[in-house]
Every structure is written in C-alpha cells, then in structure tokens.
C-alpha cells in the first residue's frame, strides 16, 4: 500500500487524460500522457498523430 502512495508523490507514474480540444486534423479525441518525469505526449485517438514538447531539429 505504501508503494502505491510513494510513486504518485514522486511523480514516477505516467498518467493519461483526455483533452477538451479535438484533433486539428481529424476532430477526434486527443489524450495527453505525462507526469512521470518525461516530456508529455499528446496523441490523437483517430488519426494517430503525436505531439511532444521536444523541438524537431
């Protein structure tokens, strides 16, 4: 039980949440994954496009 409380407190657990804004390409639902110390990622459930906080070189 303690491990289940420590991981979220230390932000070691990746979480997924639906966004209110639809995909700009296909209008499907967008979901954001983050909270585990890595860059958040937004992914479309319709067309599969993915956005991250990283800048493409």
PDB file of N, CA and C in Angstrom:
ATOM      1  N   UNK A   1       0.826  -1.181   0.000  1.00  0.00           N
ATOM      2  CA  UNK A   1       0.000   0.000   0.000  1.00  0.00           C
ATOM      3  C   UNK A   1       0.878   1.255   0.000  1.00  0.00           C
ATOM      4  N   UNK A   2       1.984   1.233   0.723  1.00  0.00           N
ATOM      5  CA  UNK A   2       2.867   2.396   0.784  1.00  0.00           C
ATOM      6  C   UNK A   2       3.475   2.710  -0.586  1.00  0.00           C
ATOM      7  N   UNK A   3       3.849   1.666  -1.338  1.00  0.00           N
ATOM      8  CA  UNK A   3       4.418   1.885  -2.666  1.00  0.00           C
ATOM      9  C   UNK A   3       3.420   2.561  -3.591  1.00  0.00           C
ATOM     10  N   UNK A   4       2.154   2.257  -3.440  1.00  0.00           N
ATOM     11  CA  UNK A   4       1.110   2.888  -4.246  1.00  0.00           C
ATOM     12  C   UNK A   4       0.950   4.370  -3.939  1.00  0.00           C
ATOM     13  N   UNK A   5       1.384   4.814  -2.778  1.00  0.00           N
ATOM     14  CA  UNK A   5       1.310   6.223  -2.408  1.00  0.00           C
ATOM     15  C   UNK A   5       2.604   6.964  -2.733  1.00  0.00           C
ATOM     16  N   UNK A   6       3.722   6.255  -2.714  1.00  0.00           N
ATOM     17  CA  UNK A   6       5.021   6.893  -2.970  1.00  0.00           C
ATOM     18  C   UNK A   6       5.193   7.246  -4.440  1.00  0.00           C
ATOM     19  N   UNK A   7       4.860   6.333  -5.347  1.00  0.00           N
ATOM     20  CA  UNK A   7       5.064   6.569  -6.778  1.00  0.00           C
ATOM     21  C   UNK A   7       4.363   7.840  -7.265  1.00  0.00           C
ATOM     22  N   UNK A   8       3.068   8.061  -6.973  1.00  0.00           N
ATOM     23  CA  UNK A   8       2.442   9.305  -7.417  1.00  0.00           C
ATOM     24  C   UNK A   8       3.050  10.544  -6.754  1.00  0.00           C
ATOM     25  N   UNK A   9       3.450  10.426  -5.488  1.00  0.00           N
ATOM     26  CA  UNK A   9       4.035  11.563  -4.782  1.00  0.00           C
ATOM     27  C   UNK A   9       5.360  11.983  -5.402  1.00  0.00           C
ATOM     28  N   UNK A  10       6.117  11.031  -5.907  1.00  0.00           N
ATOM     29  CA  UNK A  10       7.401  11.316  -6.542  1.00  0.00           C
ATOM     30  C   UNK A  10       7.266  11.520  -8.048  1.00  0.00           C
ATOM     31  N   UNK A  11       6.063  11.541  -8.548  1.00  0.00           N
ATOM     32  CA  UNK A  11       5.762  11.697  -9.976  1.00  0.00           C
ATOM     33  C   UNK A  11       6.480  10.641 -10.806  1.00  0.00           C
ATOM     34  N   UNK A  12       6.407   9.388 -10.362  1.00  0.00           N
ATOM     35  CA  UNK A  12       7.014   8.277 -11.073  1.00  0.00           C
ATOM     36  C   UNK A  12       5.990   7.536 -11.938  1.00  0.00           C
ATOM     37  N   UNK A  13       4.735   7.908 -11.831  1.00  0.00           N
ATOM     38  CA  UNK A  13       3.662   7.206 -12.525  1.00  0.00           C
ATOM     39  C   UNK A  13       3.193   8.019 -13.718  1.00  0.00           C
ATOM     40  N   UNK A  14       3.152   7.408 -14.890  1.00  0.00           N
ATOM     41  CA  UNK A  14       2.651   8.081 -16.087  1.00  0.00           C
ATOM     42  C   UNK A  14       1.135   8.079 -16.037  1.00  0.00           C
ATOM     43  N   UNK A  15       0.522   9.219 -16.303  1.00  0.00           N
ATOM     44  CA  UNK A  15      -0.933   9.368 -16.260  1.00  0.00           C
ATOM     45  C   UNK A  15      -1.445   9.764 -17.637  1.00  0.00           C
ATOM     46  N   UNK A  16      -2.666   9.376 -17.954  1.00  0.00           N
ATOM     47  CA  UNK A  16      -3.312   9.719 -19.220  1.00  0.00           C
ATOM     48  C   UNK A  16      -4.616  10.435 -18.931  1.00  0.00           C
ATOM     49  N   UNK A  17      -4.868  11.505 -19.703  1.00  0.00           N
ATOM     50  CA  UNK A  17      -6.096  12.270 -19.522  1.00  0.00           C
ATOM     51  C   UNK A  17      -6.588  12.758 -20.879  1.00  0.00           C
ATOM     52  N   UNK A  18      -7.901  12.747 -21.069  1.00  0.00           N
ATOM     53  CA  UNK A  18      -8.499  13.262 -22.303  1.00  0.00           C
ATOM     54  C   UNK A  18      -8.473  14.783 -22.282  1.00  0.00           C
ATOM     55  N   UNK A  19      -8.225  15.384 -23.438  1.00  0.00           N
ATOM     56  CA  UNK A  19      -8.246  16.834 -23.574  1.00  0.00           C
ATOM     57  C   UNK A  19      -9.604  17.280 -24.105  1.00  0.00           C
ATOM     58  N   UNK A  20      -9.999  18.487 -23.780  1.00  0.00           N
ATOM     59  CA  UNK A  20     -11.282  19.016 -24.267  1.00  0.00           C
ATOM     60  C   UNK A  20     -11.199  19.410 -25.735  1.00  0.00           C
ATOM     61  N   UNK A  21     -10.026  19.818 -26.188  1.00  0.00           N
ATOM     62  CA  UNK A  21      -9.841  20.265 -27.575  1.00  0.00           C
ATOM     63  C   UNK A  21      -9.694  19.055 -28.498  1.00  0.00           C
ATOM     64  N   UNK A  22     -10.393  19.028 -29.643  1.00  0.00           N
ATOM     65  CA  UNK A  22     -10.251  17.905 -30.581  1.00  0.00           C
ATOM     66  C   UNK A  22      -8.997  18.043 -31.448  1.00  0.00           C
ATOM     67  N   UNK A  23      -8.651  16.982 -32.120  1.00  0.00           N
ATOM     68  CA  UNK A  23      -7.516  16.976 -33.035  1.00  0.00           C
ATOM     69  C   UNK A  23      -7.748  18.002 -34.151  1.00  0.00           C
ATOM     70  N   UNK A  24      -6.745  18.825 -34.470  1.00  0.00           N
ATOM     71  CA  UNK A  24      -6.911  19.817 -35.531  1.00  0.00           C
ATOM     72  C   UNK A  24      -6.947  19.199 -36.933  1.00  0.00           C
ATOM     73  N   UNK A  25      -6.588  17.920 -37.051  1.00  0.00           N
ATOM     74  CA  UNK A  25      -6.540  17.270 -38.359  1.00  0.00           C
ATOM     75  C   UNK A  25      -7.776  16.431 -38.659  1.00  0.00           C
ATOM     76  N   UNK A  26      -8.312  15.722 -37.633  1.00  0.00           N
ATOM     77  CA  UNK A  26      -9.439  14.823 -37.900  1.00  0.00           C
ATOM     78  C   UNK A  26     -10.607  15.004 -36.924  1.00  0.00           C
ATOM     79  N   UNK A  27     -10.468  15.901 -35.953  1.00  0.00           N
ATOM     80  CA  UNK A  27     -11.512  16.212 -34.955  1.00  0.00           C
ATOM     81  C   UNK A  27     -11.775  15.085 -33.956  1.00  0.00           C
ATOM     82  N   UNK A  28     -10.913  14.084 -33.897  1.00  0.00           N
ATOM     83  CA  UNK A  28     -11.069  13.003 -32.914  1.00  0.00           C
ATOM     84  C   UNK A  28     -10.539  13.456 -31.551  1.00  0.00           C
ATOM     85  N   UNK A  29     -10.715  12.607 -30.546  1.00  0.00           N
ATOM     86  CA  UNK A  29     -10.295  12.923 -29.187  1.00  0.00           C
ATOM     87  C   UNK A  29      -8.775  12.889 -29.049  1.00  0.00           C
ATOM     88  N   UNK A  30      -8.231  13.888 -28.341  1.00  0.00           N
ATOM     89  CA  UNK A  30      -6.812  13.920 -28.009  1.00  0.00           C
ATOM     90  C   UNK A  30      -6.629  13.476 -26.569  1.00  0.00           C
ATOM     91  N   UNK A  31      -5.538  12.745 -26.319  1.00  0.00           N
ATOM     92  CA  UNK A  31      -5.215  12.299 -24.955  1.00  0.00           C
ATOM     93  C   UNK A  31      -3.781  12.714 -24.666  1.00  0.00           C
ATOM     94  N   UNK A  32      -3.540  13.161 -23.439  1.00  0.00           N
ATOM     95  CA  UNK A  32      -2.201  13.558 -23.028  1.00  0.00           C
ATOM     96  C   UNK A  32      -1.671  12.560 -22.008  1.00  0.00           C
ATOM     97  N   UNK A  33      -0.399  12.168 -22.187  1.00  0.00           N
ATOM     98  CA  UNK A  33       0.300  11.271 -21.267  1.00  0.00           C
ATOM     99  C   UNK A  33       1.443  12.055 -20.650  1.00  0.00           C
ATOM    100  N   UNK A  34       1.619  11.954 -19.346  1.00  0.00           N
ATOM    101  CA  UNK A  34       2.724  12.647 -18.687  1.00  0.00           C
ATOM    102  C   UNK A  34       2.716  12.375 -17.196  1.00  0.00           C
ATOM    103  N   UNK A  35       3.570  13.099 -16.498  1.00  0.00           N
ATOM    104  CA  UNK A  35       3.612  13.000 -15.050  1.00  0.00           C
ATOM    105  C   UNK A  35       4.642  12.057 -14.491  1.00  0.00           C
ATOM    106  N   UNK A  36       5.493  11.500 -15.343  1.00  0.00           N
ATOM    107  CA  UNK A  36       6.497  10.556 -14.847  1.00  0.00           C
ATOM    108  C   UNK A  36       7.922  11.085 -15.016  1.00  0.00           C
ATOM    109  N   UNK A  37       8.055  12.384 -15.198  1.00  0.00           N
ATOM    110  CA  UNK A  37       9.370  12.981 -15.357  1.00  0.00           C
ATOM    111  C   UNK A  37       9.842  13.080 -16.789  1.00  0.00           C
ATOM    112  N   UNK A  38       9.120  12.485 -17.728  1.00  0.00           N
ATOM    113  CA  UNK A  38       9.461  12.578 -19.156  1.00  0.00           C
ATOM    114  C   UNK A  38       8.581  13.631 -19.812  1.00  0.00           C
ATOM    115  N   UNK A  39       8.935  14.022 -21.033  1.00  0.00           N
ATOM    116  CA  UNK A  39       8.143  15.005 -21.765  1.00  0.00           C
ATOM    117  C   UNK A  39       6.712  14.512 -21.940  1.00  0.00           C
ATOM    118  N   UNK A  40       5.717  15.385 -21.744  1.00  0.00           N
ATOM    119  CA  UNK A  40       4.333  14.988 -22.017  1.00  0.00           C
ATOM    120  C   UNK A  40       4.150  14.714 -23.510  1.00  0.00           C
ATOM    121  N   UNK A  41       3.244  13.824 -23.827  1.00  0.00           N
ATOM    122  CA  UNK A  41       2.939  13.473 -25.210  1.00  0.00           C
ATOM    123  C   UNK A  41       1.430  13.556 -25.410  1.00  0.00           C
ATOM    124  N   UNK A  42       1.013  14.203 -26.515  1.00  0.00           N
ATOM    125  CA  UNK A  42      -0.396  14.257 -26.882  1.00  0.00           C
ATOM    126  C   UNK A  42      -0.567  13.369 -28.101  1.00  0.00           C
ATOM    127  N   UNK A  43      -1.563  12.471 -28.056  1.00  0.00           N
ATOM    128  CA  UNK A  43      -1.800  11.560 -29.171  1.00  0.00           C
ATOM    129  C   UNK A  43      -3.273  11.573 -29.544  1.00  0.00           C
ATOM    130  N   UNK A  44      -3.539  11.572 -30.856  1.00  0.00           N
ATOM    131  CA  UNK A  44      -4.905  11.538 -31.369  1.00  0.00           C
ATOM    132  C   UNK A  44      -5.383  10.098 -31.430  1.00  0.00           C
ATOM    133  N   UNK A  45      -6.588   9.864 -30.937  1.00  0.00           N
ATOM    134  CA  UNK A  45      -7.151   8.512 -30.966  1.00  0.00           C
ATOM    135  C   UNK A  45      -7.722   8.178 -32.333  1.00  0.00           C
ATOM    136  N   UNK A  46      -7.862   9.170 -33.211  1.00  0.00           N
ATOM    137  CA  UNK A  46      -8.404   8.937 -34.544  1.00  0.00           C
ATOM    138  C   UNK A  46      -7.316   8.662 -35.568  1.00  0.00           C
ATOM    139  N   UNK A  47      -6.543   9.708 -35.892  1.00  0.00           N
ATOM    140  CA  UNK A  47      -5.530   9.584 -36.951  1.00  0.00           C
ATOM    141  C   UNK A  47      -4.172   9.122 -36.440  1.00  0.00           C
ATOM    142  N   UNK A  48      -3.964   9.104 -35.110  1.00  0.00           N
ATOM    143  CA  UNK A  48      -2.723   8.603 -34.548  1.00  0.00           C
ATOM    144  C   UNK A  48      -1.576   9.601 -34.517  1.00  0.00           C
ATOM    145  N   UNK A  49      -1.827  10.857 -34.931  1.00  0.00           N
ATOM    146  CA  UNK A  49      -0.750  11.851 -34.866  1.00  0.00           C
ATOM    147  C   UNK A  49      -0.321  12.053 -33.430  1.00  0.00           C
ATOM    148  N   UNK A  50       0.951  12.427 -33.264  1.00  0.00           N
ATOM    149  CA  UNK A  50       1.505  12.559 -31.919  1.00  0.00           C
ATOM    150  C   UNK A  50       2.312  13.857 -31.842  1.00  0.00           C
ATOM    151  N   UNK A  51       2.171  14.552 -30.706  1.00  0.00           N
ATOM    152  CA  UNK A  51       2.910  15.775 -30.446  1.00  0.00           C
ATOM    153  C   UNK A  51       3.636  15.623 -29.121  1.00  0.00           C
ATOM    154  N   UNK A  52       4.873  16.137 -29.065  1.00  0.00           N
ATOM    155  CA  UNK A  52       5.637  16.133 -27.827  1.00  0.00           C
ATOM    156  C   UNK A  52       6.131  17.552 -27.559  1.00  0.00           C
ATOM    157  N   UNK A  53       6.710  17.767 -26.406  1.00  0.00           N
ATOM    158  CA  UNK A  53       7.262  19.070 -26.064  1.00  0.00           C
ATOM    159  C   UNK A  53       8.647  19.275 -26.644  1.00  0.00           C
ATOM    160  N   UNK A  54       9.174  18.270 -27.335  1.00  0.00           N
ATOM    161  CA  UNK A  54      10.508  18.368 -27.915  1.00  0.00           C
ATOM    162  C   UNK A  54      10.442  19.067 -29.269  1.00  0.00           C
ATOM    163  N   UNK A  55      11.458  19.897 -29.545  1.00  0.00           N
ATOM    164  CA  UNK A  55      11.534  20.616 -30.800  1.00  0.00           C
ATOM    165  C   UNK A  55      12.272  19.746 -31.814  1.00  0.00           C
ATOM    166  N   UNK A  56      11.675  19.578 -33.001  1.00  0.00           N
ATOM    167  CA  UNK A  56      12.320  18.781 -34.053  1.00  0.00           C
ATOM    168  C   UNK A  56      13.496  19.565 -34.626  1.00  0.00           C
ATOM    169  N   UNK A  57      14.589  18.879 -34.858  1.00  0.00           N
ATOM    170  CA  UNK A  57      15.794  19.540 -35.403  1.00  0.00           C
ATOM    171  C   UNK A  57      15.791  19.497 -36.900  1.00  0.00           C
TER     172      UNK A  57
END
